[in-house]
């Protein structure tokens, strides 16, 4: 349609839409903090479409899964499912294959729509926006309503433009986060490094002291690691270190923080954790290492490795940075002297 044949007011409406999307784009690209970027994108999308709910899931290339990162207007039951795999032939795969806005104006009349979670939530209309940069998948932006809707072309066009800005902003924020992460993580194991431990330990200790909370500290040391390295070589030793780090990370809670303290030693911070809970976590880790470490050494040796573990808790076992650190280090060495593959704490 030429400018001359447009209805009166249509150009003004499109101009307002372009101004709005420019304002939205400025908000979306105004930060490099991923959580803030995602929140800005979702809020802008819901405002454009005048819809009361929505979410953003990001794609993890390593696992082939989508992970829910932000949601508004949806129940805890709906958002409890944090990760899901892209299944060939499924609704998510269909959305991604289409590569454009996926619009459902009434879920009850859409014969292809059989998502039980969405139906139980009462979602009656939705738009899914695949977030891509060329062929690189970033994630999916969803906006939802609890009544059937008809969507006008102008709003959908604005949402599509927002999706393009969103993809670039999320990718930039992830790159920024990865750059920061590289500065504070151990290159071999992927867990936080010693320097970052000192900073976070000081922060957590100050928080525990300020709010009168307990803070658990667990130190892990791989038993007889030097002898293992001498026998099998450093490349195999590196495999053990990486495997132990991964097992510990998977066994600890999401709120716990794991660090490579140095050599074959790891240390974990457990916020708001008393002695009994810290000991239970330490024992779970010890058992998992004993049971699962052999898998990474299949074909090299018929047995895995074990760890000796010390457990200390603020303020019970120390009230200062140096005092608590010395306590947990001493306890870990007691575990070694007592026969290794043990968890030890101050009686």
C-alpha atoms as a PDB file:
ATOM      1  CA  UNK A   1       0.000   0.000   0.000  1.00  0.00           C
ATOM      2  CA  UNK A   2       1.440   3.426  -1.001  1.00  0.00           C
ATOM      3  CA  UNK A   3       1.446   6.427   1.325  1.00  0.00           C
ATOM      4  CA  UNK A   4      -1.225   8.044  -0.855  1.00  0.00           C
ATOM      5  CA  UNK A   5      -3.691   5.156  -0.459  1.00  0.00           C
ATOM      6  CA  UNK A   6      -3.318   4.744   3.297  1.00  0.00           C
ATOM      7  CA  UNK A   7      -6.348   5.660   5.409  1.00  0.00           C
ATOM      8  CA  UNK A   8      -6.230   8.980   7.303  1.00  0.00           C
ATOM      9  CA  UNK A   9      -4.548   8.419  10.600  1.00  0.00           C
ATOM     10  CA  UNK A  10      -2.856   5.165   9.525  1.00  0.00           C
ATOM     11  CA  UNK A  11       0.493   6.866   8.955  1.00  0.00           C
ATOM     12  CA  UNK A  12       0.208   8.551  12.333  1.00  0.00           C
ATOM     13  CA  UNK A  13      -0.515   5.193  13.973  1.00  0.00           C
ATOM     14  CA  UNK A  14       2.498   3.573  12.313  1.00  0.00           C
ATOM     15  CA  UNK A  15       4.685   6.528  13.277  1.00  0.00           C
ATOM     16  CA  UNK A  16       3.567   6.216  16.896  1.00  0.00           C
ATOM     17  CA  UNK A  17       4.324   2.494  16.737  1.00  0.00           C
ATOM     18  CA  UNK A  18       7.836   3.141  15.416  1.00  0.00           C
ATOM     19  CA  UNK A  19       8.460   5.723  18.142  1.00  0.00           C
ATOM     20  CA  UNK A  20       7.239   3.249  20.744  1.00  0.00           C
ATOM     21  CA  UNK A  21       9.447   0.458  19.479  1.00  0.00           C
ATOM     22  CA  UNK A  22      12.437   2.842  19.456  1.00  0.00           C
ATOM     23  CA  UNK A  23      11.729   3.669  23.100  1.00  0.00           C
ATOM     24  CA  UNK A  24      11.420  -0.040  23.881  1.00  0.00           C
ATOM     25  CA  UNK A  25      14.682  -0.801  22.075  1.00  0.00           C
ATOM     26  CA  UNK A  26      16.492   1.872  24.076  1.00  0.00           C
ATOM     27  CA  UNK A  27      15.256   0.283  27.306  1.00  0.00           C
ATOM     28  CA  UNK A  28      16.174  -3.229  26.172  1.00  0.00           C
ATOM     29  CA  UNK A  29      19.746  -2.351  25.176  1.00  0.00           C
ATOM     30  CA  UNK A  30      20.371  -0.086  28.181  1.00  0.00           C
ATOM     31  CA  UNK A  31      21.915  -2.816  30.345  1.00  0.00           C
ATOM     32  CA  UNK A  32      24.406  -5.673  30.070  1.00  0.00           C
ATOM     33  CA  UNK A  33      23.120  -7.455  33.180  1.00  0.00           C
ATOM     34  CA  UNK A  34      21.286 -10.511  31.866  1.00  0.00           C
ATOM     35  CA  UNK A  35      18.513 -10.613  34.480  1.00  0.00           C
ATOM     36  CA  UNK A  36      17.773  -6.922  33.978  1.00  0.00           C
ATOM     37  CA  UNK A  37      17.794  -7.317  30.186  1.00  0.00           C
ATOM     38  CA  UNK A  38      15.347 -10.230  30.363  1.00  0.00           C
ATOM     39  CA  UNK A  39      13.031  -8.367  32.725  1.00  0.00           C
ATOM     40  CA  UNK A  40      13.038  -5.295  30.460  1.00  0.00           C
ATOM     41  CA  UNK A  41      12.292  -7.403  27.383  1.00  0.00           C
ATOM     42  CA  UNK A  42       9.416  -9.261  28.992  1.00  0.00           C
ATOM     43  CA  UNK A  43       7.872  -6.125  30.470  1.00  0.00           C
ATOM     44  CA  UNK A  44       8.091  -4.360  27.107  1.00  0.00           C
ATOM     45  CA  UNK A  45       6.548  -7.300  25.229  1.00  0.00           C
ATOM     46  CA  UNK A  46       3.628  -7.547  27.661  1.00  0.00           C
ATOM     47  CA  UNK A  47       3.051  -3.787  27.370  1.00  0.00           C
ATOM     48  CA  UNK A  48       3.114  -3.825  23.555  1.00  0.00           C
ATOM     49  CA  UNK A  49       0.535  -6.615  23.392  1.00  0.00           C
ATOM     50  CA  UNK A  50      -1.388  -5.493  26.513  1.00  0.00           C
ATOM     51  CA  UNK A  51      -1.165  -9.033  27.907  1.00  0.00           C
ATOM     52  CA  UNK A  52      -1.015  -9.849  31.639  1.00  0.00           C
ATOM     53  CA  UNK A  53       1.499 -12.693  31.651  1.00  0.00           C
ATOM     54  CA  UNK A  54       4.611 -13.932  29.932  1.00  0.00           C
ATOM     55  CA  UNK A  55       7.970 -15.642  30.230  1.00  0.00           C
ATOM     56  CA  UNK A  56      11.361 -16.013  28.588  1.00  0.00           C
ATOM     57  CA  UNK A  57      13.233 -19.305  28.255  1.00  0.00           C
ATOM     58  CA  UNK A  58      16.861 -19.354  27.113  1.00  0.00           C
ATOM     59  CA  UNK A  59      18.444 -22.128  25.076  1.00  0.00           C
ATOM     60  CA  UNK A  60      21.522 -24.000  26.331  1.00  0.00           C
ATOM     61  CA  UNK A  61      23.537 -25.353  23.388  1.00  0.00           C
ATOM     62  CA  UNK A  62      25.448 -27.811  25.584  1.00  0.00           C
ATOM     63  CA  UNK A  63      22.377 -29.621  26.888  1.00  0.00           C
ATOM     64  CA  UNK A  64      19.861 -28.967  24.120  1.00  0.00           C
ATOM     65  CA  UNK A  65      17.424 -27.659  26.737  1.00  0.00           C
ATOM     66  CA  UNK A  66      15.439 -24.511  27.300  1.00  0.00           C
ATOM     67  CA  UNK A  67      15.616 -22.954  30.754  1.00  0.00           C
ATOM     68  CA  UNK A  68      12.934 -20.649  32.150  1.00  0.00           C
ATOM     69  CA  UNK A  69      14.727 -17.482  33.274  1.00  0.00           C
ATOM     70  CA  UNK A  70      11.993 -14.908  33.943  1.00  0.00           C
ATOM     71  CA  UNK A  71       8.198 -15.005  34.246  1.00  0.00           C
ATOM     72  CA  UNK A  72       5.432 -12.560  35.177  1.00  0.00           C
ATOM     73  CA  UNK A  73       1.767 -13.174  35.924  1.00  0.00           C
ATOM     74  CA  UNK A  74       2.059 -16.976  36.069  1.00  0.00           C
ATOM     75  CA  UNK A  75       1.556 -19.344  38.998  1.00  0.00           C
ATOM     76  CA  UNK A  76       4.309 -21.129  40.910  1.00  0.00           C
ATOM     77  CA  UNK A  77       2.891 -24.447  39.691  1.00  0.00           C
ATOM     78  CA  UNK A  78       3.286 -23.344  36.059  1.00  0.00           C
ATOM     79  CA  UNK A  79       6.833 -21.996  36.497  1.00  0.00           C
ATOM     80  CA  UNK A  80       8.051 -24.940  38.606  1.00  0.00           C
ATOM     81  CA  UNK A  81       9.199 -26.713  35.465  1.00  0.00           C
ATOM     82  CA  UNK A  82      12.441 -24.793  34.925  1.00  0.00           C
ATOM     83  CA  UNK A  83      14.051 -26.839  32.137  1.00  0.00           C
ATOM     84  CA  UNK A  84      12.802 -28.881  29.218  1.00  0.00           C
ATOM     85  CA  UNK A  85      14.300 -30.490  26.141  1.00  0.00           C
ATOM     86  CA  UNK A  86      13.363 -29.465  22.619  1.00  0.00           C
ATOM     87  CA  UNK A  87      11.602 -32.626  21.409  1.00  0.00           C
ATOM     88  CA  UNK A  88      11.328 -33.178  17.621  1.00  0.00           C
ATOM     89  CA  UNK A  89       7.707 -32.819  16.590  1.00  0.00           C
ATOM     90  CA  UNK A  90       6.735 -31.084  19.837  1.00  0.00           C
ATOM     91  CA  UNK A  91       5.201 -27.625  20.169  1.00  0.00           C
ATOM     92  CA  UNK A  92       8.515 -25.979  21.053  1.00  0.00           C
ATOM     93  CA  UNK A  93      10.229 -27.531  18.014  1.00  0.00           C
ATOM     94  CA  UNK A  94       7.319 -26.363  15.841  1.00  0.00           C
ATOM     95  CA  UNK A  95       7.700 -22.803  17.122  1.00  0.00           C
ATOM     96  CA  UNK A  96      11.440 -22.824  16.461  1.00  0.00           C
ATOM     97  CA  UNK A  97      11.121 -24.429  13.031  1.00  0.00           C
ATOM     98  CA  UNK A  98       8.542 -21.829  11.997  1.00  0.00           C
ATOM     99  CA  UNK A  99      11.047 -19.121  12.905  1.00  0.00           C
ATOM    100  CA  UNK A 100       8.365 -16.427  13.106  1.00  0.00           C
ATOM    101  CA  UNK A 101       5.707 -15.335  15.561  1.00  0.00           C
ATOM    102  CA  UNK A 102       3.609 -18.296  16.659  1.00  0.00           C
ATOM    103  CA  UNK A 103       0.132 -17.013  17.447  1.00  0.00           C
ATOM    104  CA  UNK A 104      -2.707 -18.861  19.191  1.00  0.00           C
ATOM    105  CA  UNK A 105      -5.844 -16.723  19.541  1.00  0.00           C
ATOM    106  CA  UNK A 106      -7.836 -19.397  21.397  1.00  0.00           C
ATOM    107  CA  UNK A 107      -6.124 -22.469  22.836  1.00  0.00           C
ATOM    108  CA  UNK A 108      -9.439 -24.289  23.231  1.00  0.00           C
ATOM    109  CA  UNK A 109     -10.148 -24.053  19.499  1.00  0.00           C
ATOM    110  CA  UNK A 110      -6.588 -24.851  18.360  1.00  0.00           C
ATOM    111  CA  UNK A 111      -6.644 -28.614  17.746  1.00  0.00           C
ATOM    112  CA  UNK A 112      -2.828 -28.792  17.686  1.00  0.00           C
ATOM    113  CA  UNK A 113      -2.479 -27.171  21.125  1.00  0.00           C
ATOM    114  CA  UNK A 114      -2.303 -29.845  23.796  1.00  0.00           C
ATOM    115  CA  UNK A 115       0.059 -28.353  26.372  1.00  0.00           C
ATOM    116  CA  UNK A 116      -1.376 -29.629  29.700  1.00  0.00           C
ATOM    117  CA  UNK A 117       0.471 -27.066  31.843  1.00  0.00           C
ATOM    118  CA  UNK A 118      -0.776 -24.128  29.792  1.00  0.00           C
ATOM    119  CA  UNK A 119      -4.328 -25.465  29.728  1.00  0.00           C
ATOM    120  CA  UNK A 120      -4.291 -26.057  33.494  1.00  0.00           C
ATOM    121  CA  UNK A 121      -2.995 -22.505  33.979  1.00  0.00           C
ATOM    122  CA  UNK A 122      -6.017 -21.222  32.076  1.00  0.00           C
ATOM    123  CA  UNK A 123      -4.024 -19.690  29.218  1.00  0.00           C
ATOM    124  CA  UNK A 124      -6.475 -19.019  26.377  1.00  0.00           C
ATOM    125  CA  UNK A 125      -4.275 -17.038  23.994  1.00  0.00           C
ATOM    126  CA  UNK A 126      -0.558 -16.693  23.497  1.00  0.00           C
ATOM    127  CA  UNK A 127       2.219 -15.518  21.228  1.00  0.00           C
ATOM    128  CA  UNK A 128       5.601 -17.233  21.102  1.00  0.00           C
ATOM    129  CA  UNK A 129       8.510 -15.275  19.634  1.00  0.00           C
ATOM    130  CA  UNK A 130      11.556 -17.359  18.603  1.00  0.00           C
ATOM    131  CA  UNK A 131      14.691 -15.449  19.597  1.00  0.00           C
ATOM    132  CA  UNK A 132      17.390 -16.054  17.004  1.00  0.00           C
ATOM    133  CA  UNK A 133      20.429 -14.374  15.491  1.00  0.00           C
ATOM    134  CA  UNK A 134      20.578 -15.813  11.983  1.00  0.00           C
ATOM    135  CA  UNK A 135      20.592 -19.570  12.698  1.00  0.00           C
ATOM    136  CA  UNK A 136      21.795 -19.231  16.288  1.00  0.00           C
ATOM    137  CA  UNK A 137      19.000 -20.023  18.746  1.00  0.00           C
ATOM    138  CA  UNK A 138      18.858 -17.721  21.780  1.00  0.00           C
ATOM    139  CA  UNK A 139      15.533 -18.737  23.323  1.00  0.00           C
ATOM    140  CA  UNK A 140      11.784 -18.112  23.189  1.00  0.00           C
ATOM    141  CA  UNK A 141       9.726 -15.158  24.426  1.00  0.00           C
ATOM    142  CA  UNK A 142       6.126 -15.953  25.389  1.00  0.00           C
ATOM    143  CA  UNK A 143       3.276 -13.542  26.145  1.00  0.00           C
ATOM    144  CA  UNK A 144      -0.002 -14.960  27.457  1.00  0.00           C
ATOM    145  CA  UNK A 145      -3.581 -14.003  28.244  1.00  0.00           C
ATOM    146  CA  UNK A 146      -6.342 -15.830  30.065  1.00  0.00           C
ATOM    147  CA  UNK A 147      -9.040 -14.888  27.566  1.00  0.00           C
ATOM    148  CA  UNK A 148      -9.243 -15.447  23.788  1.00  0.00           C
ATOM    149  CA  UNK A 149      -7.721 -12.556  21.827  1.00  0.00           C
ATOM    150  CA  UNK A 150      -7.559 -11.138  18.329  1.00  0.00           C
ATOM    151  CA  UNK A 151      -4.195  -9.526  17.576  1.00  0.00           C
ATOM    152  CA  UNK A 152      -3.796  -6.582  15.200  1.00  0.00           C
ATOM    153  CA  UNK A 153      -1.021  -6.580  12.615  1.00  0.00           C
ATOM    154  CA  UNK A 154       0.640  -3.394  13.925  1.00  0.00           C
ATOM    155  CA  UNK A 155       1.159  -4.794  17.424  1.00  0.00           C
ATOM    156  CA  UNK A 156       2.434  -8.098  16.061  1.00  0.00           C
ATOM    157  CA  UNK A 157       4.909  -6.249  13.834  1.00  0.00           C
ATOM    158  CA  UNK A 158       6.164  -4.263  16.837  1.00  0.00           C
ATOM    159  CA  UNK A 159       6.538  -7.477  18.838  1.00  0.00           C
ATOM    160  CA  UNK A 160       8.530  -9.038  15.997  1.00  0.00           C
ATOM    161  CA  UNK A 161      10.882  -6.027  15.916  1.00  0.00           C
ATOM    162  CA  UNK A 162      11.253  -6.243  19.688  1.00  0.00           C
ATOM    163  CA  UNK A 163      12.205  -9.904  19.265  1.00  0.00           C
ATOM    164  CA  UNK A 164      15.093  -8.909  16.993  1.00  0.00           C
ATOM    165  CA  UNK A 165      16.373  -6.332  19.489  1.00  0.00           C
ATOM    166  CA  UNK A 166      15.851  -8.842  22.302  1.00  0.00           C
ATOM    167  CA  UNK A 167      17.940 -11.534  20.618  1.00  0.00           C
ATOM    168  CA  UNK A 168      20.909  -9.205  20.170  1.00  0.00           C
ATOM    169  CA  UNK A 169      20.617  -7.788  23.684  1.00  0.00           C
ATOM    170  CA  UNK A 170      20.434 -11.228  25.314  1.00  0.00           C
ATOM    171  CA  UNK A 171      23.392 -12.455  23.275  1.00  0.00           C
ATOM    172  CA  UNK A 172      25.448  -9.407  24.289  1.00  0.00           C
ATOM    173  CA  UNK A 173      24.480  -9.792  27.951  1.00  0.00           C
ATOM    174  CA  UNK A 174      25.436 -13.476  27.893  1.00  0.00           C
ATOM    175  CA  UNK A 175      28.803 -12.629  26.322  1.00  0.00           C
ATOM    176  CA  UNK A 176      29.352  -9.992  29.011  1.00  0.00           C
ATOM    177  CA  UNK A 177      28.435 -12.481  31.745  1.00  0.00           C
ATOM    178  CA  UNK A 178      30.734 -15.095  30.240  1.00  0.00           C
ATOM    179  CA  UNK A 179      33.615 -12.600  30.158  1.00  0.00           C
ATOM    180  CA  UNK A 180      33.091 -11.790  33.833  1.00  0.00           C
ATOM    181  CA  UNK A 181      32.769 -15.488  34.626  1.00  0.00           C
ATOM    182  CA  UNK A 182      36.101 -16.306  32.975  1.00  0.00           C
ATOM    183  CA  UNK A 183      37.810 -13.851  35.317  1.00  0.00           C
ATOM    184  CA  UNK A 184      36.545 -15.630  38.415  1.00  0.00           C
ATOM    185  CA  UNK A 185      36.423 -19.306  37.396  1.00  0.00           C
ATOM    186  CA  UNK A 186      38.991 -22.067  37.242  1.00  0.00           C
ATOM    187  CA  UNK A 187      39.743 -22.953  33.626  1.00  0.00           C
ATOM    188  CA  UNK A 188      40.053 -26.699  34.206  1.00  0.00           C
ATOM    189  CA  UNK A 189      37.035 -27.425  36.394  1.00  0.00           C
ATOM    190  CA  UNK A 190      34.683 -24.542  35.585  1.00  0.00           C
ATOM    191  CA  UNK A 191      34.014 -23.765  39.263  1.00  0.00           C
ATOM    192  CA  UNK A 192      34.930 -20.492  40.964  1.00  0.00           C
ATOM    193  CA  UNK A 193      38.643 -19.887  41.617  1.00  0.00           C
ATOM    194  CA  UNK A 194      40.546 -19.109  44.825  1.00  0.00           C
ATOM    195  CA  UNK A 195      40.525 -15.353  44.293  1.00  0.00           C
ATOM    196  CA  UNK A 196      36.747 -15.308  43.908  1.00  0.00           C
ATOM    197  CA  UNK A 197      36.395 -17.526  46.981  1.00  0.00           C
ATOM    198  CA  UNK A 198      38.115 -14.913  49.132  1.00  0.00           C
ATOM    199  CA  UNK A 199      35.738 -12.213  47.925  1.00  0.00           C
ATOM    200  CA  UNK A 200      32.532 -14.241  48.274  1.00  0.00           C
ATOM    201  CA  UNK A 201      33.577 -15.746  51.594  1.00  0.00           C
ATOM    202  CA  UNK A 202      34.107 -12.254  53.008  1.00  0.00           C
ATOM    203  CA  UNK A 203      30.724 -11.161  51.610  1.00  0.00           C
ATOM    204  CA  UNK A 204      28.842 -14.193  52.980  1.00  0.00           C
ATOM    205  CA  UNK A 205      30.569 -13.949  56.349  1.00  0.00           C
ATOM    206  CA  UNK A 206      29.615 -10.292  56.644  1.00  0.00           C
ATOM    207  CA  UNK A 207      26.015 -11.110  55.716  1.00  0.00           C
ATOM    208  CA  UNK A 208      25.834 -13.961  58.241  1.00  0.00           C
ATOM    209  CA  UNK A 209      27.242 -11.737  60.978  1.00  0.00           C
ATOM    210  CA  UNK A 210      24.920  -8.855  60.114  1.00  0.00           C
ATOM    211  CA  UNK A 211      21.720 -10.914  60.130  1.00  0.00           C
ATOM    212  CA  UNK A 212      22.657 -13.404  62.831  1.00  0.00           C
ATOM    213  CA  UNK A 213      22.685 -16.380  60.432  1.00  0.00           C
ATOM    214  CA  UNK A 214      24.870 -19.471  60.342  1.00  0.00           C
ATOM    215  CA  UNK A 215      27.269 -20.148  57.474  1.00  0.00           C
ATOM    216  CA  UNK A 216      28.582 -23.579  56.565  1.00  0.00           C
ATOM    217  CA  UNK A 217      32.049 -24.159  55.149  1.00  0.00           C
ATOM    218  CA  UNK A 218      33.148 -27.499  53.676  1.00  0.00           C
ATOM    219  CA  UNK A 219      36.668 -28.324  52.492  1.00  0.00           C
ATOM    220  CA  UNK A 220      37.275 -31.344  50.239  1.00  0.00           C
ATOM    221  CA  UNK A 221      40.655 -32.919  49.427  1.00  0.00           C
ATOM    222  CA  UNK A 222      41.117 -35.786  46.944  1.00  0.00           C
ATOM    223  CA  UNK A 223      42.886 -38.647  48.738  1.00  0.00           C
ATOM    224  CA  UNK A 224      46.306 -39.750  47.461  1.00  0.00           C
ATOM    225  CA  UNK A 225      46.039 -37.506  44.425  1.00  0.00           C
ATOM    226  CA  UNK A 226      49.801 -37.073  43.980  1.00  0.00           C
ATOM    227  CA  UNK A 227      50.292 -40.846  43.847  1.00  0.00           C
ATOM    228  CA  UNK A 228      47.395 -41.106  41.384  1.00  0.00           C
ATOM    229  CA  UNK A 229      48.973 -38.440  39.153  1.00  0.00           C
ATOM    230  CA  UNK A 230      52.362 -40.131  39.291  1.00  0.00           C
ATOM    231  CA  UNK A 231      50.856 -43.472  38.281  1.00  0.00           C
ATOM    232  CA  UNK A 232      48.411 -42.416  35.558  1.00  0.00           C
ATOM    233  CA  UNK A 233      49.768 -39.050  34.397  1.00  0.00           C
ATOM    234  CA  UNK A 234      48.552 -35.480  34.618  1.00  0.00           C
ATOM    235  CA  UNK A 235      45.992 -35.665  31.767  1.00  0.00           C
ATOM    236  CA  UNK A 236      44.124 -38.391  33.688  1.00  0.00           C
ATOM    237  CA  UNK A 237      44.547 -36.383  36.884  1.00  0.00           C
ATOM    238  CA  UNK A 238      42.932 -33.413  35.151  1.00  0.00           C
ATOM    239  CA  UNK A 239      39.986 -35.641  34.205  1.00  0.00           C
ATOM    240  CA  UNK A 240      39.600 -36.581  37.864  1.00  0.00           C
ATOM    241  CA  UNK A 241      39.653 -32.954  38.994  1.00  0.00           C
ATOM    242  CA  UNK A 242      37.013 -31.985  36.441  1.00  0.00           C
ATOM    243  CA  UNK A 243      34.853 -35.003  37.345  1.00  0.00           C
ATOM    244  CA  UNK A 244      35.084 -34.351  41.090  1.00  0.00           C
ATOM    245  CA  UNK A 245      34.117 -30.706  40.551  1.00  0.00           C
ATOM    246  CA  UNK A 246      31.108 -31.713  38.461  1.00  0.00           C
ATOM    247  CA  UNK A 247      29.930 -34.306  40.993  1.00  0.00           C
ATOM    248  CA  UNK A 248      30.261 -31.816  43.846  1.00  0.00           C
ATOM    249  CA  UNK A 249      28.424 -29.134  41.904  1.00  0.00           C
ATOM    250  CA  UNK A 250      25.572 -31.512  41.068  1.00  0.00           C
ATOM    251  CA  UNK A 251      25.328 -32.774  44.666  1.00  0.00           C
ATOM    252  CA  UNK A 252      25.323 -29.418  46.428  1.00  0.00           C
ATOM    253  CA  UNK A 253      22.281 -27.127  46.438  1.00  0.00           C
ATOM    254  CA  UNK A 254      21.826 -24.392  43.843  1.00  0.00           C
ATOM    255  CA  UNK A 255      22.323 -21.756  46.558  1.00  0.00           C
ATOM    256  CA  UNK A 256      25.671 -23.255  47.632  1.00  0.00           C
ATOM    257  CA  UNK A 257      28.882 -21.986  46.043  1.00  0.00           C
ATOM    258  CA  UNK A 258      31.749 -24.268  45.038  1.00  0.00           C
ATOM    259  CA  UNK A 259      35.372 -23.201  44.491  1.00  0.00           C
ATOM    260  CA  UNK A 260      38.654 -24.806  43.517  1.00  0.00           C
ATOM    261  CA  UNK A 261      40.784 -23.820  46.477  1.00  0.00           C
ATOM    262  CA  UNK A 262      44.073 -25.043  45.021  1.00  0.00           C
ATOM    263  CA  UNK A 263      45.640 -28.227  43.632  1.00  0.00           C
ATOM    264  CA  UNK A 264      43.299 -31.077  44.521  1.00  0.00           C
ATOM    265  CA  UNK A 265      41.348 -29.094  47.147  1.00  0.00           C
ATOM    266  CA  UNK A 266      37.835 -27.706  46.768  1.00  0.00           C
ATOM    267  CA  UNK A 267      35.812 -25.613  49.188  1.00  0.00           C
ATOM    268  CA  UNK A 268      32.101 -24.834  49.414  1.00  0.00           C
ATOM    269  CA  UNK A 269      30.105 -22.049  51.063  1.00  0.00           C
ATOM    270  CA  UNK A 270      26.655 -23.024  52.367  1.00  0.00           C
ATOM    271  CA  UNK A 271      24.632 -19.914  53.319  1.00  0.00           C
ATOM    272  CA  UNK A 272      22.218 -20.123  56.278  1.00  0.00           C
ATOM    273  CA  UNK A 273      23.262 -23.705  57.039  1.00  0.00           C
ATOM    274  CA  UNK A 274      23.655 -25.230  60.486  1.00  0.00           C
ATOM    275  CA  UNK A 275      26.114 -27.973  61.453  1.00  0.00           C
ATOM    276  CA  UNK A 276      23.698 -30.868  61.009  1.00  0.00           C
ATOM    277  CA  UNK A 277      22.713 -29.759  57.492  1.00  0.00           C
ATOM    278  CA  UNK A 278      26.328 -29.032  56.520  1.00  0.00           C
ATOM    279  CA  UNK A 279      27.396 -32.493  57.709  1.00  0.00           C
ATOM    280  CA  UNK A 280      24.574 -34.099  55.722  1.00  0.00           C
ATOM    281  CA  UNK A 281      25.666 -32.229  52.592  1.00  0.00           C
ATOM    282  CA  UNK A 282      29.317 -33.205  53.149  1.00  0.00           C
ATOM    283  CA  UNK A 283      28.415 -36.875  53.591  1.00  0.00           C
ATOM    284  CA  UNK A 284      26.301 -36.851  50.413  1.00  0.00           C
ATOM    285  CA  UNK A 285      29.265 -35.425  48.533  1.00  0.00           C
ATOM    286  CA  UNK A 286      31.671 -38.004  49.984  1.00  0.00           C
ATOM    287  CA  UNK A 287      29.393 -40.891  49.016  1.00  0.00           C
ATOM    288  CA  UNK A 288      28.780 -39.545  45.509  1.00  0.00           C
ATOM    289  CA  UNK A 289      32.506 -39.109  44.828  1.00  0.00           C
ATOM    290  CA  UNK A 290      33.226 -42.640  46.077  1.00  0.00           C
ATOM    291  CA  UNK A 291      30.407 -44.080  43.967  1.00  0.00           C
ATOM    292  CA  UNK A 292      30.539 -42.021  40.767  1.00  0.00           C
ATOM    293  CA  UNK A 293      34.170 -41.003  40.201  1.00  0.00           C
ATOM    294  CA  UNK A 294      35.025 -44.437  38.782  1.00  0.00           C
ATOM    295  CA  UNK A 295      32.797 -43.729  35.768  1.00  0.00           C
ATOM    296  CA  UNK A 296      35.152 -41.048  34.470  1.00  0.00           C
ATOM    297  CA  UNK A 297      38.093 -43.466  34.775  1.00  0.00           C
ATOM    298  CA  UNK A 298      36.509 -46.404  32.960  1.00  0.00           C
ATOM    299  CA  UNK A 299      39.152 -48.193  30.924  1.00  0.00           C
ATOM    300  CA  UNK A 300      41.992 -46.600  32.927  1.00  0.00           C
ATOM    301  CA  UNK A 301      41.517 -47.998  36.403  1.00  0.00           C
ATOM    302  CA  UNK A 302      38.914 -50.225  38.018  1.00  0.00           C
ATOM    303  CA  UNK A 303      38.332 -47.841  40.930  1.00  0.00           C
ATOM    304  CA  UNK A 304      37.573 -44.194  41.470  1.00  0.00           C
ATOM    305  CA  UNK A 305      38.901 -41.722  43.999  1.00  0.00           C
ATOM    306  CA  UNK A 306      37.777 -40.725  47.476  1.00  0.00           C
ATOM    307  CA  UNK A 307      37.817 -37.455  49.384  1.00  0.00           C
ATOM    308  CA  UNK A 308      38.562 -36.366  52.925  1.00  0.00           C
ATOM    309  CA  UNK A 309      36.232 -33.648  54.169  1.00  0.00           C
ATOM    310  CA  UNK A 310      36.297 -31.026  56.916  1.00  0.00           C
ATOM    311  CA  UNK A 311      33.153 -29.174  58.014  1.00  0.00           C
ATOM    312  CA  UNK A 312      32.989 -25.936  60.018  1.00  0.00           C
ATOM    313  CA  UNK A 313      30.134 -23.542  60.724  1.00  0.00           C
ATOM    314  CA  UNK A 314      30.048 -19.845  61.643  1.00  0.00           C
ATOM    315  CA  UNK A 315      29.895 -18.804  64.455  1.00  0.00           C
ATOM    316  CA  UNK A 316      30.210 -22.193  66.170  1.00  0.00           C
ATOM    317  CA  UNK A 317      33.720 -23.010  64.926  1.00  0.00           C
ATOM    318  CA  UNK A 318      35.080 -19.549  64.250  1.00  0.00           C
ATOM    319  CA  UNK A 319      33.905 -15.953  63.961  1.00  0.00           C
ATOM    320  CA  UNK A 320      36.534 -14.466  61.650  1.00  0.00           C
ATOM    321  CA  UNK A 321      37.632 -15.108  58.081  1.00  0.00           C
ATOM    322  CA  UNK A 322      41.016 -16.532  59.111  1.00  0.00           C
ATOM    323  CA  UNK A 323      39.692 -18.376  62.144  1.00  0.00           C
ATOM    324  CA  UNK A 324      36.952 -20.208  60.267  1.00  0.00           C
ATOM    325  CA  UNK A 325      39.234 -21.024  57.341  1.00  0.00           C
ATOM    326  CA  UNK A 326      41.918 -22.461  59.664  1.00  0.00           C
ATOM    327  CA  UNK A 327      39.284 -24.499  61.487  1.00  0.00           C
ATOM    328  CA  UNK A 328      37.920 -26.169  58.346  1.00  0.00           C
ATOM    329  CA  UNK A 329      41.437 -26.782  56.984  1.00  0.00           C
ATOM    330  CA  UNK A 330      42.538 -28.427  60.253  1.00  0.00           C
ATOM    331  CA  UNK A 331      39.400 -30.589  60.317  1.00  0.00           C
ATOM    332  CA  UNK A 332      39.982 -31.780  56.771  1.00  0.00           C
ATOM    333  CA  UNK A 333      43.507 -32.889  57.712  1.00  0.00           C
ATOM    334  CA  UNK A 334      42.138 -34.699  60.767  1.00  0.00           C
ATOM    335  CA  UNK A 335      39.880 -36.639  58.383  1.00  0.00           C
ATOM    336  CA  UNK A 336      42.971 -37.636  56.421  1.00  0.00           C
ATOM    337  CA  UNK A 337      44.879 -38.718  59.507  1.00  0.00           C
ATOM    338  CA  UNK A 338      41.879 -40.744  60.682  1.00  0.00           C
ATOM    339  CA  UNK A 339      42.001 -42.945  57.583  1.00  0.00           C
ATOM    340  CA  UNK A 340      40.771 -40.793  54.644  1.00  0.00           C
ATOM    341  CA  UNK A 341      37.430 -41.018  52.851  1.00  0.00           C
ATOM    342  CA  UNK A 342      35.832 -39.467  55.951  1.00  0.00           C
ATOM    343  CA  UNK A 343      33.898 -36.385  57.007  1.00  0.00           C
ATOM    344  CA  UNK A 344      35.181 -34.690  60.165  1.00  0.00           C
ATOM    345  CA  UNK A 345      33.868 -31.829  62.286  1.00  0.00           C
ATOM    346  CA  UNK A 346      34.609 -30.229  65.621  1.00  0.00           C
ATOM    347  CA  UNK A 347      32.941 -32.344  68.389  1.00  0.00           C
END
